[in-house]
Amino acid sequence: MRRSGGVLAAGYSTTRTAVLAGPGWDVVEAQCLLKHRRIDPGTVDGIYGQRTIAAVTRLQKEAGLPADGIVGPHTWRVLRG
């Protein structure tokens, strides 16, 4: 993990707006950032499965966001904050 310009990043993706849906580096980034926040998304494998969705939902609830399990711009902001 590193901070660049005040933004937390794991080094796999710099997206702040991608909506996660399928496998890829953006999912790896989200999984790493969830782990950094001590919210377990399961294996960091780039697959947006049930454990990752549950972890995203937990993060969203804790942040006061709509808990829909979808990583969009508002959730990225929390993950990178």
C-alpha atoms as a PDB file:
ATOM      1  CA  MET A   1       0.000   0.000   0.000  1.00  0.00           C
ATOM      2  CA  ARG A   2       1.159   3.514  -0.697  1.00  0.00           C
ATOM      3  CA  ARG A   3      -0.262   6.984  -0.768  1.00  0.00           C
ATOM      4  CA  SER A   4       0.115   9.076  -3.868  1.00  0.00           C
ATOM      5  CA  GLY A   5      -1.276  12.590  -3.735  1.00  0.00           C
ATOM      6  CA  GLY A   6      -3.224  11.658  -0.605  1.00  0.00           C
ATOM      7  CA  VAL A   7      -4.882   8.660  -2.303  1.00  0.00           C
ATOM      8  CA  LEU A   8      -4.350   5.118  -1.022  1.00  0.00           C
ATOM      9  CA  ALA A   9      -3.359   2.574  -3.678  1.00  0.00           C
ATOM     10  CA  ALA A  10      -2.114  -0.992  -3.852  1.00  0.00           C
ATOM     11  CA  GLY A  11      -0.451  -0.506  -7.223  1.00  0.00           C
ATOM     12  CA  TYR A  12      -2.693  -2.655  -9.411  1.00  0.00           C
ATOM     13  CA  SER A  13      -5.135  -0.050 -10.682  1.00  0.00           C
ATOM     14  CA  THR A  14      -5.601   3.700 -10.365  1.00  0.00           C
ATOM     15  CA  THR A  15      -9.302   3.748 -11.184  1.00  0.00           C
ATOM     16  CA  ARG A  16     -11.620   5.873  -9.119  1.00  0.00           C
ATOM     17  CA  THR A  17     -14.714   5.330 -11.219  1.00  0.00           C
ATOM     18  CA  ALA A  18     -14.802   1.772 -12.623  1.00  0.00           C
ATOM     19  CA  VAL A  19     -17.813  -0.231 -11.535  1.00  0.00           C
ATOM     20  CA  LEU A  20     -16.613  -3.724 -10.696  1.00  0.00           C
ATOM     21  CA  ALA A  21     -18.366  -6.627 -12.340  1.00  0.00           C
ATOM     22  CA  GLY A  22     -15.870  -9.212 -13.518  1.00  0.00           C
ATOM     23  CA  PRO A  23     -12.362 -10.492 -13.014  1.00  0.00           C
ATOM     24  CA  GLY A  24      -9.455  -8.129 -13.437  1.00  0.00           C
ATOM     25  CA  TRP A  25      -6.880  -5.833 -11.889  1.00  0.00           C
ATOM     26  CA  ASP A  26      -9.500  -3.385 -10.625  1.00  0.00           C
ATOM     27  CA  VAL A  27     -10.947  -6.216  -8.517  1.00  0.00           C
ATOM     28  CA  VAL A  28      -7.460  -7.092  -7.212  1.00  0.00           C
ATOM     29  CA  GLU A  29      -7.024  -3.431  -6.244  1.00  0.00           C
ATOM     30  CA  ALA A  30     -10.345  -3.366  -4.384  1.00  0.00           C
ATOM     31  CA  GLN A  31      -9.532  -6.645  -2.615  1.00  0.00           C
ATOM     32  CA  CYS A  32      -6.127  -5.324  -1.498  1.00  0.00           C
ATOM     33  CA  LEU A  33      -7.664  -2.088  -0.240  1.00  0.00           C
ATOM     34  CA  LEU A  34     -10.347  -4.028   1.650  1.00  0.00           C
ATOM     35  CA  LYS A  35      -7.657  -6.168   3.301  1.00  0.00           C
ATOM     36  CA  HIS A  36      -5.758  -3.008   4.217  1.00  0.00           C
ATOM     37  CA  ARG A  37      -8.921  -1.828   5.987  1.00  0.00           C
ATOM     38  CA  ARG A  38      -9.081  -5.192   7.785  1.00  0.00           C
ATOM     39  CA  ILE A  39     -12.206  -6.295   5.940  1.00  0.00           C
ATOM     40  CA  ASP A  40     -11.602  -9.783   4.549  1.00  0.00           C
ATOM     41  CA  PRO A  41     -12.630 -10.177   0.882  1.00  0.00           C
ATOM     42  CA  GLY A  42     -11.268 -13.730   0.764  1.00  0.00           C
ATOM     43  CA  THR A  43      -8.407 -14.597  -1.559  1.00  0.00           C
ATOM     44  CA  VAL A  44      -6.959 -11.694  -3.535  1.00  0.00           C
ATOM     45  CA  ASP A  45      -7.540 -13.297  -6.900  1.00  0.00           C
ATOM     46  CA  GLY A  46      -9.251 -10.661  -9.039  1.00  0.00           C
ATOM     47  CA  ILE A  47     -12.575 -12.509  -8.945  1.00  0.00           C
ATOM     48  CA  TYR A  48     -15.600 -10.532  -7.755  1.00  0.00           C
ATOM     49  CA  GLY A  49     -17.197 -13.375  -5.820  1.00  0.00           C
ATOM     50  CA  GLN A  50     -19.514 -13.634  -2.833  1.00  0.00           C
ATOM     51  CA  ARG A  51     -16.828 -12.995  -0.174  1.00  0.00           C
ATOM     52  CA  THR A  52     -15.659  -9.845  -1.957  1.00  0.00           C
ATOM     53  CA  ILE A  53     -19.244  -8.647  -2.360  1.00  0.00           C
ATOM     54  CA  ALA A  54     -19.885  -9.278   1.361  1.00  0.00           C
ATOM     55  CA  ALA A  55     -16.729  -7.336   2.272  1.00  0.00           C
ATOM     56  CA  VAL A  56     -17.751  -4.424   0.033  1.00  0.00           C
ATOM     57  CA  THR A  57     -21.228  -4.419   1.591  1.00  0.00           C
ATOM     58  CA  ARG A  58     -19.696  -4.288   5.083  1.00  0.00           C
ATOM     59  CA  LEU A  59     -17.443  -1.383   4.086  1.00  0.00           C
ATOM     60  CA  GLN A  60     -20.398   0.465   2.607  1.00  0.00           C
ATOM     61  CA  LYS A  61     -22.486  -0.003   5.770  1.00  0.00           C
ATOM     62  CA  GLU A  62     -19.614   1.225   7.953  1.00  0.00           C
ATOM     63  CA  ALA A  63     -19.164   4.258   5.692  1.00  0.00           C
ATOM     64  CA  GLY A  64     -22.866   5.121   5.598  1.00  0.00           C
ATOM     65  CA  LEU A  65     -23.187   4.357   1.888  1.00  0.00           C
ATOM     66  CA  PRO A  66     -26.017   2.392   0.272  1.00  0.00           C
ATOM     67  CA  ALA A  67     -24.991  -1.220   0.950  1.00  0.00           C
ATOM     68  CA  ASP A  68     -25.440  -2.734  -2.501  1.00  0.00           C
ATOM     69  CA  GLY A  69     -22.108  -4.587  -2.771  1.00  0.00           C
ATOM     70  CA  ILE A  70     -21.206  -2.677  -5.924  1.00  0.00           C
ATOM     71  CA  VAL A  71     -17.901  -0.814  -6.071  1.00  0.00           C
ATOM     72  CA  GLY A  72     -18.603   2.442  -7.863  1.00  0.00           C
ATOM     73  CA  PRO A  73     -17.173   5.962  -7.488  1.00  0.00           C
ATOM     74  CA  HIS A  74     -18.412   6.553  -3.909  1.00  0.00           C
ATOM     75  CA  THR A  75     -17.098   3.213  -2.691  1.00  0.00           C
ATOM     76  CA  TRP A  76     -13.745   3.795  -4.425  1.00  0.00           C
ATOM     77  CA  ARG A  77     -13.518   7.111  -2.598  1.00  0.00           C
ATOM     78  CA  VAL A  78     -13.936   5.307   0.741  1.00  0.00           C
ATOM     79  CA  LEU A  79     -11.513   2.521  -0.217  1.00  0.00           C
ATOM     80  CA  ARG A  80      -8.854   5.018  -1.259  1.00  0.00           C
ATOM     81  CA  GLY A  81      -9.484   7.499   1.564  1.00  0.00           C
END
